[in-house]
Amino acid sequence: MTRRYPAADVKKLYGRAAARCALCRAELVLDNTPHDPAKQIGKIAHIVAHSESGPRSDPDYPKDELDKYENWILLCPTCHDKVDAQENTYTQEYLRELKRKHEKWVRDSLEDSMSEFGFAELEVAIKGIANMDAQSPTEFSVIAPNDKIAKNELTPEIRNLLVMGLMRSKEVNDYLIEMHKINTGFADKITAAFKKRYIELKEEGLFGDELFEALIDFASGGTSDFKIRAAGLALLSHLFEICEVFEK
């Protein structure tokens, strides 16, 4: 059976793992060099083997559930080979618990970094977005934040992330004001880029929590650096509250 990697599930896996190996926690994004662009080097490992002869195979596991986020764990190339070579050590149960603990560590690390970022991290997070050529879509309408949460079926976990991000809303607003002095229309350009990316992600099949998490990645340039991810979350939360992002 051909392996499939649905975009929504891949984005969810990378986002919740913060693009880090769940076993050794190595960063899985190689920075660009003068000769090569940045590149993802993560490996998606199946907790239950895709084939019946693979490590941790289970003939009773539903075939249509094999290629989904719930049956994946994100690893570096070395750890991927290790868990498949030692399947009696790295069992299904072990890997599921490892994934749960890693994703909790990511959330805790993001929260710890929320009070640490400054204008420098915001500048790094927003640099790629500011260089985009995006026109603001016209089919958005203004609705209240709580209505956005309900309309997009965001869970209490995402609401908690929003609350966390909004704790630094003043700093984000101050940054956007300063940038407006240098580049008139800067905030409008950033908002347009977010709205455009929101529509693209919806067209890829993302919705709800997965879409919000993918926008955190967008807001932070897909980095594994928790300070920059915290800055990206604060930026997304600020725009979520004050303008049309997430309102289509």
C-alpha atoms as a PDB file:
ATOM      1  CA  MET A   1       0.000   0.000   0.000  1.00  0.00           C
ATOM      2  CA  THR A   2       1.365   3.409  -1.008  1.00  0.00           C
ATOM      3  CA  ARG A   3       2.294   5.702   1.857  1.00  0.00           C
ATOM      4  CA  ARG A   4       0.446   8.994   2.045  1.00  0.00           C
ATOM      5  CA  TYR A   5       1.408  12.167   3.869  1.00  0.00           C
ATOM      6  CA  PRO A   6      -1.673  14.429   4.031  1.00  0.00           C
ATOM      7  CA  ALA A   7      -0.567  18.064   4.308  1.00  0.00           C
ATOM      8  CA  ALA A   8      -2.862  18.812   7.245  1.00  0.00           C
ATOM      9  CA  ASP A   9      -1.452  15.932   9.288  1.00  0.00           C
ATOM     10  CA  VAL A  10       2.160  16.780   8.425  1.00  0.00           C
ATOM     11  CA  LYS A  11       1.692  20.422   9.474  1.00  0.00           C
ATOM     12  CA  LYS A  12       0.030  19.306  12.693  1.00  0.00           C
ATOM     13  CA  LEU A  13       2.894  16.920  13.486  1.00  0.00           C
ATOM     14  CA  TYR A  14       5.646  19.466  12.807  1.00  0.00           C
ATOM     15  CA  GLY A  15       3.802  22.269  14.598  1.00  0.00           C
ATOM     16  CA  ARG A  16       3.082  20.338  17.781  1.00  0.00           C
ATOM     17  CA  ALA A  17       6.644  19.006  17.846  1.00  0.00           C
ATOM     18  CA  ALA A  18       8.071  22.487  17.147  1.00  0.00           C
ATOM     19  CA  ALA A  19      10.100  20.874  14.344  1.00  0.00           C
ATOM     20  CA  ARG A  20      12.219  18.974  16.897  1.00  0.00           C
ATOM     21  CA  CYS A  21      13.009  15.302  17.303  1.00  0.00           C
ATOM     22  CA  ALA A  22      10.746  13.759  19.932  1.00  0.00           C
ATOM     23  CA  LEU A  23      13.565  11.511  21.188  1.00  0.00           C
ATOM     24  CA  CYS A  24      16.714  13.671  21.266  1.00  0.00           C
ATOM     25  CA  ARG A  25      14.971  17.061  20.743  1.00  0.00           C
ATOM     26  CA  ALA A  26      17.411  18.103  18.044  1.00  0.00           C
ATOM     27  CA  GLU A  27      16.244  20.906  15.757  1.00  0.00           C
ATOM     28  CA  LEU A  28      15.087  19.546  12.412  1.00  0.00           C
ATOM     29  CA  VAL A  29      15.493  22.669  10.292  1.00  0.00           C
ATOM     30  CA  LEU A  30      18.887  23.340   8.752  1.00  0.00           C
ATOM     31  CA  ASP A  31      19.599  27.056   8.440  1.00  0.00           C
ATOM     32  CA  ASN A  32      20.285  28.416   4.987  1.00  0.00           C
ATOM     33  CA  THR A  33      23.889  28.830   3.897  1.00  0.00           C
ATOM     34  CA  PRO A  34      25.452  30.918   1.120  1.00  0.00           C
ATOM     35  CA  HIS A  35      25.100  27.850  -1.083  1.00  0.00           C
ATOM     36  CA  ASP A  36      21.856  26.144   0.033  1.00  0.00           C
ATOM     37  CA  PRO A  37      18.392  27.163   1.254  1.00  0.00           C
ATOM     38  CA  ALA A  38      16.986  26.184   4.657  1.00  0.00           C
ATOM     39  CA  LYS A  39      15.806  22.579   4.692  1.00  0.00           C
ATOM     40  CA  GLN A  40      13.688  20.289   6.876  1.00  0.00           C
ATOM     41  CA  ILE A  41      15.493  17.062   7.776  1.00  0.00           C
ATOM     42  CA  GLY A  42      12.857  15.498  10.018  1.00  0.00           C
ATOM     43  CA  LYS A  43      11.679  11.933   9.471  1.00  0.00           C
ATOM     44  CA  ILE A  44       8.086  10.872  10.023  1.00  0.00           C
ATOM     45  CA  ALA A  45       8.140   7.514  11.785  1.00  0.00           C
ATOM     46  CA  HIS A  46       5.096   5.261  11.917  1.00  0.00           C
ATOM     47  CA  ILE A  47       4.228   4.135  15.443  1.00  0.00           C
ATOM     48  CA  VAL A  48       2.354   1.182  13.965  1.00  0.00           C
ATOM     49  CA  ALA A  49       4.296   0.023  10.918  1.00  0.00           C
ATOM     50  CA  HIS A  50       2.908   0.914   7.515  1.00  0.00           C
ATOM     51  CA  SER A  51       3.660  -2.569   6.217  1.00  0.00           C
ATOM     52  CA  GLU A  52       2.874  -5.873   7.905  1.00  0.00           C
ATOM     53  CA  SER A  53       6.574  -6.766   7.898  1.00  0.00           C
ATOM     54  CA  GLY A  54       7.712  -3.463   9.375  1.00  0.00           C
ATOM     55  CA  PRO A  55       8.680  -2.656  12.991  1.00  0.00           C
ATOM     56  CA  ARG A  56       5.745  -2.506  15.427  1.00  0.00           C
ATOM     57  CA  SER A  57       3.361  -3.947  12.834  1.00  0.00           C
ATOM     58  CA  ASP A  58      -0.206  -4.727  13.835  1.00  0.00           C
ATOM     59  CA  PRO A  59      -2.470  -6.504  11.316  1.00  0.00           C
ATOM     60  CA  ASP A  60      -5.542  -5.419  13.292  1.00  0.00           C
ATOM     61  CA  TYR A  61      -4.735  -1.705  13.105  1.00  0.00           C
ATOM     62  CA  PRO A  62      -7.095   0.015  10.607  1.00  0.00           C
ATOM     63  CA  LYS A  63      -5.322   0.504   7.310  1.00  0.00           C
ATOM     64  CA  ASP A  64      -6.936   3.902   6.745  1.00  0.00           C
ATOM     65  CA  GLU A  65      -5.482   5.142  10.057  1.00  0.00           C
ATOM     66  CA  LEU A  66      -1.844   4.330   9.314  1.00  0.00           C
ATOM     67  CA  ASP A  67      -0.994   7.541   7.475  1.00  0.00           C
ATOM     68  CA  LYS A  68      -2.315  10.065   9.971  1.00  0.00           C
ATOM     69  CA  TYR A  69      -0.939  12.359  12.659  1.00  0.00           C
ATOM     70  CA  GLU A  70      -2.134  10.006  15.422  1.00  0.00           C
ATOM     71  CA  ASN A  71       0.116   7.197  14.110  1.00  0.00           C
ATOM     72  CA  TRP A  72       3.187   9.352  13.485  1.00  0.00           C
ATOM     73  CA  ILE A  73       6.053  10.617  15.573  1.00  0.00           C
ATOM     74  CA  LEU A  74       8.603  13.169  14.373  1.00  0.00           C
ATOM     75  CA  LEU A  75      12.256  12.138  14.678  1.00  0.00           C
ATOM     76  CA  CYS A  76      15.691  13.076  13.410  1.00  0.00           C
ATOM     77  CA  PRO A  77      17.275  10.694  10.860  1.00  0.00           C
ATOM     78  CA  THR A  78      19.468   8.980  13.492  1.00  0.00           C
ATOM     79  CA  CYS A  79      16.644   8.438  15.993  1.00  0.00           C
ATOM     80  CA  HIS A  80      14.336   7.263  13.213  1.00  0.00           C
ATOM     81  CA  ASP A  81      16.793   4.484  12.342  1.00  0.00           C
ATOM     82  CA  LYS A  82      17.259   3.681  16.025  1.00  0.00           C
ATOM     83  CA  VAL A  83      13.579   3.188  16.878  1.00  0.00           C
ATOM     84  CA  ASP A  84      13.035   1.004  13.830  1.00  0.00           C
ATOM     85  CA  ALA A  85      16.154  -1.060  14.510  1.00  0.00           C
ATOM     86  CA  GLN A  86      15.149  -1.689  18.147  1.00  0.00           C
ATOM     87  CA  GLU A  87      11.431  -2.232  17.925  1.00  0.00           C
ATOM     88  CA  ASN A  88      11.287  -4.261  21.156  1.00  0.00           C
ATOM     89  CA  THR A  89      12.733  -1.307  23.040  1.00  0.00           C
ATOM     90  CA  TYR A  90      10.803   1.376  21.187  1.00  0.00           C
ATOM     91  CA  THR A  91       7.367  -0.186  21.324  1.00  0.00           C
ATOM     92  CA  GLN A  92       4.078   1.354  20.252  1.00  0.00           C
ATOM     93  CA  GLU A  93       3.310   2.238  23.872  1.00  0.00           C
ATOM     94  CA  TYR A  94       6.753   3.776  24.395  1.00  0.00           C
ATOM     95  CA  LEU A  95       6.514   5.943  21.288  1.00  0.00           C
ATOM     96  CA  ARG A  96       2.992   7.152  22.044  1.00  0.00           C
ATOM     97  CA  GLU A  97       4.047   8.231  25.536  1.00  0.00           C
ATOM     98  CA  LEU A  98       7.239   9.778  24.150  1.00  0.00           C
ATOM     99  CA  LYS A  99       5.190  11.816  21.688  1.00  0.00           C
ATOM    100  CA  ARG A 100       2.769  12.948  24.409  1.00  0.00           C
ATOM    101  CA  LYS A 101       5.616  14.059  26.698  1.00  0.00           C
ATOM    102  CA  HIS A 102       7.452  15.818  23.875  1.00  0.00           C
ATOM    103  CA  GLU A 103       4.407  17.820  22.820  1.00  0.00           C
ATOM    104  CA  LYS A 104       3.798  18.815  26.455  1.00  0.00           C
ATOM    105  CA  TRP A 105       7.446  19.922  26.697  1.00  0.00           C
ATOM    106  CA  VAL A 106       6.935  22.051  23.578  1.00  0.00           C
ATOM    107  CA  ARG A 107       3.866  23.762  25.084  1.00  0.00           C
ATOM    108  CA  ASP A 108       5.649  24.327  28.404  1.00  0.00           C
ATOM    109  CA  SER A 109       8.755  25.693  26.664  1.00  0.00           C
ATOM    110  CA  LEU A 110       6.627  28.063  24.598  1.00  0.00           C
ATOM    111  CA  GLU A 111       4.939  29.355  27.742  1.00  0.00           C
ATOM    112  CA  ASP A 112       8.303  29.810  29.498  1.00  0.00           C
ATOM    113  CA  SER A 113       9.615  31.800  26.518  1.00  0.00           C
ATOM    114  CA  MET A 114       6.599  34.101  26.314  1.00  0.00           C
ATOM    115  CA  SER A 115       8.053  36.528  28.852  1.00  0.00           C
ATOM    116  CA  GLU A 116      11.537  36.472  27.301  1.00  0.00           C
ATOM    117  CA  PHE A 117      11.180  37.653  23.700  1.00  0.00           C
ATOM    118  CA  GLY A 118      11.658  41.259  22.633  1.00  0.00           C
ATOM    119  CA  PHE A 119      11.741  43.412  19.512  1.00  0.00           C
ATOM    120  CA  ALA A 120      14.676  41.384  18.160  1.00  0.00           C
ATOM    121  CA  GLU A 121      12.654  38.150  18.153  1.00  0.00           C
ATOM    122  CA  LEU A 122       9.610  39.908  16.703  1.00  0.00           C
ATOM    123  CA  GLU A 123      11.788  41.257  13.923  1.00  0.00           C
ATOM    124  CA  VAL A 124      13.121  37.773  13.111  1.00  0.00           C
ATOM    125  CA  ALA A 125       9.632  36.258  13.223  1.00  0.00           C
ATOM    126  CA  ILE A 126       8.110  38.881  10.980  1.00  0.00           C
ATOM    127  CA  LYS A 127      10.963  39.312   8.485  1.00  0.00           C
ATOM    128  CA  GLY A 128       9.773  36.732   5.970  1.00  0.00           C
ATOM    129  CA  ILE A 129       6.150  37.856   6.219  1.00  0.00           C
ATOM    130  CA  ALA A 130       7.086  41.503   5.641  1.00  0.00           C
ATOM    131  CA  ASN A 131       8.789  40.546   2.376  1.00  0.00           C
ATOM    132  CA  MET A 132       5.678  38.831   0.999  1.00  0.00           C
ATOM    133  CA  ASP A 133       3.618  40.414  -1.756  1.00  0.00           C
ATOM    134  CA  ALA A 134       0.099  39.933  -0.427  1.00  0.00           C
ATOM    135  CA  GLN A 135      -3.119  41.762  -1.236  1.00  0.00           C
ATOM    136  CA  SER A 136      -5.754  41.782   1.491  1.00  0.00           C
ATOM    137  CA  PRO A 137      -8.708  39.507   0.596  1.00  0.00           C
ATOM    138  CA  THR A 138     -12.058  41.309   0.569  1.00  0.00           C
ATOM    139  CA  GLU A 139     -14.341  38.463   1.677  1.00  0.00           C
ATOM    140  CA  PHE A 140     -13.604  38.813   5.393  1.00  0.00           C
ATOM    141  CA  SER A 141     -16.047  40.280   7.901  1.00  0.00           C
ATOM    142  CA  VAL A 142     -15.413  41.623  11.389  1.00  0.00           C
ATOM    143  CA  ILE A 143     -16.591  39.377  14.244  1.00  0.00           C
ATOM    144  CA  ALA A 144     -15.718  39.250  17.946  1.00  0.00           C
ATOM    145  CA  PRO A 145     -12.829  37.028  19.171  1.00  0.00           C
ATOM    146  CA  ASN A 146     -15.151  34.619  21.020  1.00  0.00           C
ATOM    147  CA  ASP A 147     -17.235  34.256  17.858  1.00  0.00           C
ATOM    148  CA  LYS A 148     -14.063  33.483  15.888  1.00  0.00           C
ATOM    149  CA  ILE A 149     -13.191  30.773  18.378  1.00  0.00           C
ATOM    150  CA  ALA A 150     -16.660  29.227  18.047  1.00  0.00           C
ATOM    151  CA  LYS A 151     -16.820  29.593  14.249  1.00  0.00           C
ATOM    152  CA  ASN A 152     -13.436  27.923  13.789  1.00  0.00           C
ATOM    153  CA  GLU A 153     -14.179  25.287  16.463  1.00  0.00           C
ATOM    154  CA  LEU A 154     -11.000  26.074  18.368  1.00  0.00           C
ATOM    155  CA  THR A 155     -10.512  23.977  21.496  1.00  0.00           C
ATOM    156  CA  PRO A 156      -9.760  25.190  25.038  1.00  0.00           C
ATOM    157  CA  GLU A 157      -6.101  24.319  24.376  1.00  0.00           C
ATOM    158  CA  ILE A 158      -5.952  26.892  21.569  1.00  0.00           C
ATOM    159  CA  ARG A 159      -7.878  29.389  23.687  1.00  0.00           C
ATOM    160  CA  ASN A 160      -5.136  28.993  26.302  1.00  0.00           C
ATOM    161  CA  LEU A 161      -2.502  29.700  23.639  1.00  0.00           C
ATOM    162  CA  LEU A 162      -4.412  32.822  22.614  1.00  0.00           C
ATOM    163  CA  VAL A 163      -4.566  34.041  26.208  1.00  0.00           C
ATOM    164  CA  MET A 164      -0.844  33.364  26.552  1.00  0.00           C
ATOM    165  CA  GLY A 165      -0.076  35.268  23.355  1.00  0.00           C
ATOM    166  CA  LEU A 166      -2.289  38.211  24.285  1.00  0.00           C
ATOM    167  CA  MET A 167      -0.237  38.739  27.433  1.00  0.00           C
ATOM    168  CA  ARG A 168       2.362  40.332  25.128  1.00  0.00           C
ATOM    169  CA  SER A 169      -0.099  42.175  22.875  1.00  0.00           C
ATOM    170  CA  LYS A 170       1.146  45.591  24.012  1.00  0.00           C
ATOM    171  CA  GLU A 171       4.705  44.778  22.951  1.00  0.00           C
ATOM    172  CA  VAL A 172       3.469  43.597  19.555  1.00  0.00           C
ATOM    173  CA  ASN A 173       1.414  46.756  19.122  1.00  0.00           C
ATOM    174  CA  ASP A 174       4.392  48.935  20.115  1.00  0.00           C
ATOM    175  CA  TYR A 175       6.548  47.100  17.584  1.00  0.00           C
ATOM    176  CA  LEU A 176       4.006  47.584  14.783  1.00  0.00           C
ATOM    177  CA  ILE A 177       3.732  51.298  15.633  1.00  0.00           C
ATOM    178  CA  GLU A 178       7.511  51.683  15.459  1.00  0.00           C
ATOM    179  CA  MET A 179       7.660  49.849  12.137  1.00  0.00           C
ATOM    180  CA  HIS A 180       4.842  52.031  10.779  1.00  0.00           C
ATOM    181  CA  LYS A 181       7.049  55.087  11.392  1.00  0.00           C
ATOM    182  CA  ILE A 182       9.643  53.539   9.097  1.00  0.00           C
ATOM    183  CA  ASN A 183       7.306  51.869   6.620  1.00  0.00           C
ATOM    184  CA  THR A 184       3.811  53.328   6.296  1.00  0.00           C
ATOM    185  CA  GLY A 185       1.225  50.581   5.890  1.00  0.00           C
ATOM    186  CA  PHE A 186       3.474  47.951   7.488  1.00  0.00           C
ATOM    187  CA  ALA A 187       0.746  46.566   9.792  1.00  0.00           C
ATOM    188  CA  ASP A 188      -1.748  46.371   6.921  1.00  0.00           C
ATOM    189  CA  LYS A 189       0.776  44.432   4.863  1.00  0.00           C
ATOM    190  CA  ILE A 190       1.349  41.942   7.697  1.00  0.00           C
ATOM    191  CA  THR A 191      -2.394  41.519   8.214  1.00  0.00           C
ATOM    192  CA  ALA A 192      -2.928  40.904   4.501  1.00  0.00           C
ATOM    193  CA  ALA A 193      -0.221  38.228   4.520  1.00  0.00           C
ATOM    194  CA  PHE A 194      -1.875  36.435   7.437  1.00  0.00           C
ATOM    195  CA  LYS A 195      -5.297  36.544   5.810  1.00  0.00           C
ATOM    196  CA  LYS A 196      -3.857  35.203   2.555  1.00  0.00           C
ATOM    197  CA  ARG A 197      -2.091  32.361   4.388  1.00  0.00           C
ATOM    198  CA  TYR A 198      -5.276  31.575   6.329  1.00  0.00           C
ATOM    199  CA  ILE A 199      -7.178  31.079   3.069  1.00  0.00           C
ATOM    200  CA  GLU A 200      -4.378  28.943   1.596  1.00  0.00           C
ATOM    201  CA  LEU A 201      -4.334  26.663   4.631  1.00  0.00           C
ATOM    202  CA  LYS A 202      -8.110  26.248   4.540  1.00  0.00           C
ATOM    203  CA  GLU A 203      -7.863  25.290   0.878  1.00  0.00           C
ATOM    204  CA  GLU A 204      -5.273  22.655   1.870  1.00  0.00           C
ATOM    205  CA  GLY A 205      -7.887  21.117   4.169  1.00  0.00           C
ATOM    206  CA  LEU A 206      -6.771  22.513   7.512  1.00  0.00           C
ATOM    207  CA  PHE A 207      -9.360  23.632  10.031  1.00  0.00           C
ATOM    208  CA  GLY A 208      -9.658  24.475  13.700  1.00  0.00           C
ATOM    209  CA  ASP A 209      -6.682  23.777  15.943  1.00  0.00           C
ATOM    210  CA  GLU A 210      -4.511  22.449  13.107  1.00  0.00           C
ATOM    211  CA  LEU A 211      -5.023  25.639  11.116  1.00  0.00           C
ATOM    212  CA  PHE A 212      -4.177  27.831  14.110  1.00  0.00           C
ATOM    213  CA  GLU A 213      -1.035  25.799  14.818  1.00  0.00           C
ATOM    214  CA  ALA A 214       0.002  26.078  11.172  1.00  0.00           C
ATOM    215  CA  LEU A 215      -0.369  29.850  11.441  1.00  0.00           C
ATOM    216  CA  ILE A 216       1.933  29.856  14.474  1.00  0.00           C
ATOM    217  CA  ASP A 217       4.512  28.174  12.232  1.00  0.00           C
ATOM    218  CA  PHE A 218       3.853  30.810   9.563  1.00  0.00           C
ATOM    219  CA  ALA A 219       4.140  33.603  12.131  1.00  0.00           C
ATOM    220  CA  SER A 220       7.491  32.308  13.366  1.00  0.00           C
ATOM    221  CA  GLY A 221       8.987  31.233  10.056  1.00  0.00           C
ATOM    222  CA  GLY A 222       8.816  27.544  11.030  1.00  0.00           C
ATOM    223  CA  THR A 223      11.705  27.951  13.466  1.00  0.00           C
ATOM    224  CA  SER A 224      12.455  25.648  16.401  1.00  0.00           C
ATOM    225  CA  ASP A 225      13.604  28.614  18.524  1.00  0.00           C
ATOM    226  CA  PHE A 226      11.066  28.975  21.319  1.00  0.00           C
ATOM    227  CA  LYS A 227      11.600  32.722  21.799  1.00  0.00           C
ATOM    228  CA  ILE A 228      10.830  33.339  18.138  1.00  0.00           C
ATOM    229  CA  ARG A 229       7.870  30.929  18.254  1.00  0.00           C
ATOM    230  CA  ALA A 230       6.588  32.831  21.296  1.00  0.00           C
ATOM    231  CA  ALA A 231       6.947  36.093  19.362  1.00  0.00           C
ATOM    232  CA  GLY A 232       5.057  34.535  16.447  1.00  0.00           C
ATOM    233  CA  LEU A 233       2.258  33.360  18.740  1.00  0.00           C
ATOM    234  CA  ALA A 234       2.005  36.833  20.295  1.00  0.00           C
ATOM    235  CA  LEU A 235       1.793  38.409  16.821  1.00  0.00           C
ATOM    236  CA  LEU A 236      -0.889  35.949  15.678  1.00  0.00           C
ATOM    237  CA  SER A 237      -2.881  36.415  18.897  1.00  0.00           C
ATOM    238  CA  HIS A 238      -2.709  40.204  18.579  1.00  0.00           C
ATOM    239  CA  LEU A 239      -4.009  40.111  15.009  1.00  0.00           C
ATOM    240  CA  PHE A 240      -6.633  37.523  15.960  1.00  0.00           C
ATOM    241  CA  GLU A 241      -8.026  39.967  18.512  1.00  0.00           C
ATOM    242  CA  ILE A 242      -7.891  43.271  16.623  1.00  0.00           C
ATOM    243  CA  CYS A 243      -8.572  42.493  12.964  1.00  0.00           C
ATOM    244  CA  GLU A 244     -10.034  40.118  10.419  1.00  0.00           C
ATOM    245  CA  VAL A 245      -7.563  37.240  10.750  1.00  0.00           C
ATOM    246  CA  PHE A 246      -9.520  33.984  11.186  1.00  0.00           C
ATOM    247  CA  GLU A 247     -12.814  35.537  10.144  1.00  0.00           C
ATOM    248  CA  LYS A 248     -13.471  34.234   6.630  1.00  0.00           C
END
